[in-house]
Amino acid sequence: MQKGKQAVRGQKQIYEENRSTIFYYSLASVCTAALVACLNVTIFTGTTGLWTGWVISCSLQIFSIAAMCFMVKSVRNERNHIVDAGIDLNDPQTFGEYCKDIIILCCLAHLLSIAWAHFYCILLTLPIFAMYKLWVGFLGPWFFAPAEEKDDSQDKKQRRREKKVFVRH
């Protein structure tokens, strides 16, 4: 048992966790998409709406995995040691958490679409959630921010300038 302070997560550990996270989410994505595609080709008769939902869901998954891969670009030194592991995908306050949520939702939509093709409508919660996060994080505070208060000295200077301009004309 070690005594003292627990070590913080190093860049190598973050790098390994990011790799395993991307691997498992990619595996889940590929397995659910392949399962639904095989079932729709062999057992069920895939309708246009079903294939459209499948393509949209797969596109969202591919985009999310590509975004996660882009976020974790690592930087190595001349000894091939990891200097910077990129963004920590397992940090709940990063964009990687949203990418993982998108993949989970798409996998759920794939699996539920086996029972009924209209379950792909679950994907409509993504733009609703995005608008909510945009409103809460950016637009709402910007619209409802209190007005900046001017200093009395600034008001006096402004009035003097206005008087000078008024007297000249």
C-alpha atoms as a PDB file:
ATOM      1  CA  MET A   1       0.000   0.000   0.000  1.00  0.00           C
ATOM      2  CA  GLN A   2       1.342   3.397  -0.959  1.00  0.00           C
ATOM      3  CA  LYS A   3       1.523   6.147   1.569  1.00  0.00           C
ATOM      4  CA  GLY A   4       1.003   9.782   0.878  1.00  0.00           C
ATOM      5  CA  LYS A   5      -0.779  11.585  -1.871  1.00  0.00           C
ATOM      6  CA  GLN A   6      -2.412   9.671  -4.718  1.00  0.00           C
ATOM      7  CA  ALA A   7      -0.849  10.390  -8.098  1.00  0.00           C
ATOM      8  CA  VAL A   8      -2.829  12.335 -10.649  1.00  0.00           C
ATOM      9  CA  ARG A   9      -3.701  10.708 -13.924  1.00  0.00           C
ATOM     10  CA  GLY A  10      -0.784  10.971 -16.262  1.00  0.00           C
ATOM     11  CA  GLN A  11      -0.829  11.587 -19.995  1.00  0.00           C
ATOM     12  CA  LYS A  12      -0.103   7.930 -20.724  1.00  0.00           C
ATOM     13  CA  GLN A  13      -3.087   6.780 -18.661  1.00  0.00           C
ATOM     14  CA  ILE A  14      -5.358   9.333 -20.354  1.00  0.00           C
ATOM     15  CA  TYR A  15      -4.067   8.147 -23.736  1.00  0.00           C
ATOM     16  CA  GLU A  16      -4.792   4.484 -22.928  1.00  0.00           C
ATOM     17  CA  GLU A  17      -8.254   5.276 -21.549  1.00  0.00           C
ATOM     18  CA  ASN A  18      -9.062   7.347 -24.635  1.00  0.00           C
ATOM     19  CA  ARG A  19      -7.992   4.499 -26.924  1.00  0.00           C
ATOM     20  CA  SER A  20     -10.118   1.972 -25.051  1.00  0.00           C
ATOM     21  CA  THR A  21     -13.096   4.354 -24.992  1.00  0.00           C
ATOM     22  CA  ILE A  22     -12.919   4.872 -28.751  1.00  0.00           C
ATOM     23  CA  PHE A  23     -12.498   1.127 -29.307  1.00  0.00           C
ATOM     24  CA  TYR A  24     -15.519   0.135 -27.204  1.00  0.00           C
ATOM     25  CA  TYR A  25     -17.804   2.809 -28.612  1.00  0.00           C
ATOM     26  CA  SER A  26     -16.718   1.929 -32.158  1.00  0.00           C
ATOM     27  CA  LEU A  27     -17.356  -1.741 -31.446  1.00  0.00           C
ATOM     28  CA  ALA A  28     -20.832  -1.020 -30.074  1.00  0.00           C
ATOM     29  CA  SER A  29     -21.595   1.175 -33.061  1.00  0.00           C
ATOM     30  CA  VAL A  30     -20.454  -1.357 -35.655  1.00  0.00           C
ATOM     31  CA  CYS A  31     -22.169  -4.295 -33.927  1.00  0.00           C
ATOM     32  CA  THR A  32     -25.567  -2.630 -33.626  1.00  0.00           C
ATOM     33  CA  ALA A  33     -25.472  -1.224 -37.160  1.00  0.00           C
ATOM     34  CA  ALA A  34     -24.406  -4.574 -38.624  1.00  0.00           C
ATOM     35  CA  LEU A  35     -27.017  -6.488 -36.619  1.00  0.00           C
ATOM     36  CA  VAL A  36     -29.851  -4.252 -37.773  1.00  0.00           C
ATOM     37  CA  ALA A  37     -28.638  -4.283 -41.382  1.00  0.00           C
ATOM     38  CA  CYS A  38     -28.368  -8.090 -41.428  1.00  0.00           C
ATOM     39  CA  LEU A  39     -31.797  -8.538 -39.870  1.00  0.00           C
ATOM     40  CA  ASN A  40     -33.377  -6.098 -42.310  1.00  0.00           C
ATOM     41  CA  VAL A  41     -31.796  -7.804 -45.293  1.00  0.00           C
ATOM     42  CA  THR A  42     -32.441 -11.406 -44.271  1.00  0.00           C
ATOM     43  CA  ILE A  43     -35.507 -11.608 -42.024  1.00  0.00           C
ATOM     44  CA  PHE A  44     -37.455  -8.367 -42.260  1.00  0.00           C
ATOM     45  CA  THR A  45     -38.368  -6.332 -45.284  1.00  0.00           C
ATOM     46  CA  GLY A  46     -36.553  -3.049 -44.884  1.00  0.00           C
ATOM     47  CA  THR A  47     -38.634  -0.057 -45.877  1.00  0.00           C
ATOM     48  CA  THR A  48     -37.313   3.221 -47.194  1.00  0.00           C
ATOM     49  CA  GLY A  49     -37.968   4.915 -43.860  1.00  0.00           C
ATOM     50  CA  LEU A  50     -36.095   2.212 -42.016  1.00  0.00           C
ATOM     51  CA  TRP A  51     -33.055   2.451 -44.264  1.00  0.00           C
ATOM     52  CA  THR A  52     -33.160   6.253 -44.070  1.00  0.00           C
ATOM     53  CA  GLY A  53     -33.132   6.085 -40.276  1.00  0.00           C
ATOM     54  CA  TRP A  54     -30.340   3.521 -40.402  1.00  0.00           C
ATOM     55  CA  VAL A  55     -28.206   5.733 -42.661  1.00  0.00           C
ATOM     56  CA  ILE A  56     -28.807   8.834 -40.518  1.00  0.00           C
ATOM     57  CA  SER A  57     -27.974   6.928 -37.355  1.00  0.00           C
ATOM     58  CA  CYS A  58     -24.810   5.437 -38.863  1.00  0.00           C
ATOM     59  CA  SER A  59     -23.764   8.865 -40.129  1.00  0.00           C
ATOM     60  CA  LEU A  60     -24.162  10.355 -36.658  1.00  0.00           C
ATOM     61  CA  GLN A  61     -22.136   7.523 -35.166  1.00  0.00           C
ATOM     62  CA  ILE A  62     -19.357   7.919 -37.726  1.00  0.00           C
ATOM     63  CA  PHE A  63     -19.271  11.678 -37.140  1.00  0.00           C
ATOM     64  CA  SER A  64     -19.104  11.204 -33.366  1.00  0.00           C
ATOM     65  CA  ILE A  65     -16.329   8.619 -33.521  1.00  0.00           C
ATOM     66  CA  ALA A  66     -14.372  10.775 -35.974  1.00  0.00           C
ATOM     67  CA  ALA A  67     -14.785  13.786 -33.673  1.00  0.00           C
ATOM     68  CA  MET A  68     -13.532  11.762 -30.712  1.00  0.00           C
ATOM     69  CA  CYS A  69     -10.536  10.543 -32.739  1.00  0.00           C
ATOM     70  CA  PHE A  70      -9.773  14.128 -33.748  1.00  0.00           C
ATOM     71  CA  MET A  71      -9.948  15.310 -30.125  1.00  0.00           C
ATOM     72  CA  VAL A  72      -7.445  12.760 -28.837  1.00  0.00           C
ATOM     73  CA  LYS A  73      -4.575  13.410 -31.222  1.00  0.00           C
ATOM     74  CA  SER A  74      -1.529  12.748 -29.086  1.00  0.00           C
ATOM     75  CA  VAL A  75       1.806  14.538 -29.212  1.00  0.00           C
ATOM     76  CA  ARG A  76       4.959  12.494 -28.686  1.00  0.00           C
ATOM     77  CA  ASN A  77       8.522  13.590 -28.027  1.00  0.00           C
ATOM     78  CA  GLU A  78      11.693  12.318 -29.704  1.00  0.00           C
ATOM     79  CA  ARG A  79      11.775   9.276 -27.388  1.00  0.00           C
ATOM     80  CA  ASN A  80       8.217   8.366 -28.446  1.00  0.00           C
ATOM     81  CA  HIS A  81       6.831   9.212 -25.007  1.00  0.00           C
ATOM     82  CA  ILE A  82       3.419  10.828 -24.838  1.00  0.00           C
ATOM     83  CA  VAL A  83       3.733  14.509 -24.034  1.00  0.00           C
ATOM     84  CA  ASP A  84       0.099  15.463 -24.619  1.00  0.00           C
ATOM     85  CA  ALA A  85      -2.717  12.910 -24.808  1.00  0.00           C
ATOM     86  CA  GLY A  86      -5.270  15.370 -26.152  1.00  0.00           C
ATOM     87  CA  ILE A  87      -8.667  15.890 -24.571  1.00  0.00           C
ATOM     88  CA  ASP A  88      -9.727  13.431 -21.882  1.00  0.00           C
ATOM     89  CA  LEU A  89     -12.828  11.733 -23.313  1.00  0.00           C
ATOM     90  CA  ASN A  90     -13.859  10.458 -19.881  1.00  0.00           C
ATOM     91  CA  ASP A  91     -14.085  13.939 -18.396  1.00  0.00           C
ATOM     92  CA  PRO A  92     -17.796  14.741 -18.042  1.00  0.00           C
ATOM     93  CA  GLN A  93     -17.252  18.408 -18.906  1.00  0.00           C
ATOM     94  CA  THR A  94     -15.751  17.908 -22.360  1.00  0.00           C
ATOM     95  CA  PHE A  95     -17.296  17.597 -25.804  1.00  0.00           C
ATOM     96  CA  GLY A  96     -16.357  13.909 -25.851  1.00  0.00           C
ATOM     97  CA  GLU A  97     -19.160  13.217 -23.396  1.00  0.00           C
ATOM     98  CA  TYR A  98     -21.691  14.535 -25.923  1.00  0.00           C
ATOM     99  CA  CYS A  99     -20.165  12.358 -28.644  1.00  0.00           C
ATOM    100  CA  LYS A 100     -20.511   9.309 -26.423  1.00  0.00           C
ATOM    101  CA  ASP A 101     -24.140  10.226 -25.691  1.00  0.00           C
ATOM    102  CA  ILE A 102     -24.839  10.464 -29.428  1.00  0.00           C
ATOM    103  CA  ILE A 103     -23.351   7.014 -30.017  1.00  0.00           C
ATOM    104  CA  ILE A 104     -25.369   5.502 -27.160  1.00  0.00           C
ATOM    105  CA  LEU A 105     -28.576   7.085 -28.445  1.00  0.00           C
ATOM    106  CA  CYS A 106     -27.927   5.871 -31.997  1.00  0.00           C
ATOM    107  CA  CYS A 107     -27.181   2.333 -30.785  1.00  0.00           C
ATOM    108  CA  LEU A 108     -30.404   2.400 -28.789  1.00  0.00           C
ATOM    109  CA  ALA A 109     -32.316   3.623 -31.845  1.00  0.00           C
ATOM    110  CA  HIS A 110     -30.779   0.818 -33.929  1.00  0.00           C
ATOM    111  CA  LEU A 111     -31.787  -1.853 -31.450  1.00  0.00           C
ATOM    112  CA  LEU A 112     -35.290  -0.497 -30.914  1.00  0.00           C
ATOM    113  CA  SER A 113     -35.833  -0.195 -34.662  1.00  0.00           C
ATOM    114  CA  ILE A 114     -35.732  -3.985 -34.858  1.00  0.00           C
ATOM    115  CA  ALA A 115     -39.137  -3.945 -33.173  1.00  0.00           C
ATOM    116  CA  TRP A 116     -40.557  -0.877 -34.922  1.00  0.00           C
ATOM    117  CA  ALA A 117     -38.947   1.367 -37.538  1.00  0.00           C
ATOM    118  CA  HIS A 118     -40.445   4.528 -36.045  1.00  0.00           C
ATOM    119  CA  PHE A 119     -38.115   4.240 -33.065  1.00  0.00           C
ATOM    120  CA  TYR A 120     -35.590   6.100 -35.194  1.00  0.00           C
ATOM    121  CA  CYS A 121     -37.602   9.191 -34.227  1.00  0.00           C
ATOM    122  CA  ILE A 122     -35.671   9.035 -30.940  1.00  0.00           C
ATOM    123  CA  LEU A 123     -32.888  10.734 -32.883  1.00  0.00           C
ATOM    124  CA  LEU A 124     -35.000  13.901 -32.939  1.00  0.00           C
ATOM    125  CA  THR A 125     -34.021  14.422 -29.314  1.00  0.00           C
ATOM    126  CA  LEU A 126     -30.488  15.318 -30.467  1.00  0.00           C
ATOM    127  CA  PRO A 127     -31.307  18.730 -31.992  1.00  0.00           C
ATOM    128  CA  ILE A 128     -33.681  19.449 -29.106  1.00  0.00           C
ATOM    129  CA  PHE A 129     -30.908  18.736 -26.594  1.00  0.00           C
ATOM    130  CA  ALA A 130     -28.424  20.775 -28.647  1.00  0.00           C
ATOM    131  CA  MET A 131     -30.763  23.778 -28.651  1.00  0.00           C
ATOM    132  CA  TYR A 132     -31.278  23.385 -24.903  1.00  0.00           C
ATOM    133  CA  LYS A 133     -27.518  23.335 -24.240  1.00  0.00           C
ATOM    134  CA  LEU A 134     -27.037  26.317 -26.575  1.00  0.00           C
ATOM    135  CA  TRP A 135     -29.732  28.262 -24.736  1.00  0.00           C
ATOM    136  CA  VAL A 136     -28.541  27.391 -21.231  1.00  0.00           C
ATOM    137  CA  GLY A 137     -24.846  27.796 -21.942  1.00  0.00           C
ATOM    138  CA  PHE A 138     -24.715  30.752 -24.305  1.00  0.00           C
ATOM    139  CA  LEU A 139     -27.877  32.469 -25.524  1.00  0.00           C
ATOM    140  CA  GLY A 140     -29.866  32.655 -22.274  1.00  0.00           C
ATOM    141  CA  PRO A 141     -27.111  34.246 -20.192  1.00  0.00           C
ATOM    142  CA  TRP A 142     -26.279  36.606 -23.041  1.00  0.00           C
ATOM    143  CA  PHE A 143     -29.901  37.799 -23.477  1.00  0.00           C
ATOM    144  CA  PHE A 144     -30.648  38.135 -19.777  1.00  0.00           C
ATOM    145  CA  ALA A 145     -27.322  39.521 -18.576  1.00  0.00           C
ATOM    146  CA  PRO A 146     -27.693  42.679 -16.501  1.00  0.00           C
ATOM    147  CA  ALA A 147     -26.814  45.910 -18.243  1.00  0.00           C
ATOM    148  CA  GLU A 148     -23.418  47.362 -17.519  1.00  0.00           C
ATOM    149  CA  GLU A 149     -23.541  50.235 -15.076  1.00  0.00           C
ATOM    150  CA  LYS A 150     -21.659  53.385 -15.997  1.00  0.00           C
ATOM    151  CA  ASP A 151     -19.487  55.147 -13.486  1.00  0.00           C
ATOM    152  CA  ASP A 152     -20.557  58.591 -12.314  1.00  0.00           C
ATOM    153  CA  SER A 153     -17.260  59.997 -13.533  1.00  0.00           C
ATOM    154  CA  GLN A 154     -17.945  58.600 -17.006  1.00  0.00           C
ATOM    155  CA  ASP A 155     -21.419  60.188 -16.988  1.00  0.00           C
ATOM    156  CA  LYS A 156     -19.987  63.575 -15.995  1.00  0.00           C
ATOM    157  CA  LYS A 157     -17.372  63.436 -18.743  1.00  0.00           C
ATOM    158  CA  GLN A 158     -20.028  62.505 -21.284  1.00  0.00           C
ATOM    159  CA  ARG A 159     -22.260  65.423 -20.225  1.00  0.00           C
ATOM    160  CA  ARG A 160     -19.335  67.873 -20.473  1.00  0.00           C
ATOM    161  CA  ARG A 161     -18.577  66.691 -24.002  1.00  0.00           C
ATOM    162  CA  GLU A 162     -22.223  67.056 -24.978  1.00  0.00           C
ATOM    163  CA  LYS A 163     -22.321  70.591 -23.548  1.00  0.00           C
ATOM    164  CA  LYS A 164     -19.212  71.577 -25.507  1.00  0.00           C
ATOM    165  CA  VAL A 165     -20.691  70.212 -28.714  1.00  0.00           C
ATOM    166  CA  PHE A 166     -24.021  71.955 -28.012  1.00  0.00           C
ATOM    167  CA  VAL A 167     -22.355  75.312 -27.254  1.00  0.00           C
ATOM    168  CA  ARG A 168     -20.295  75.225 -30.458  1.00  0.00           C
ATOM    169  CA  HIS A 169     -23.345  74.736 -32.639  1.00  0.00           C
END
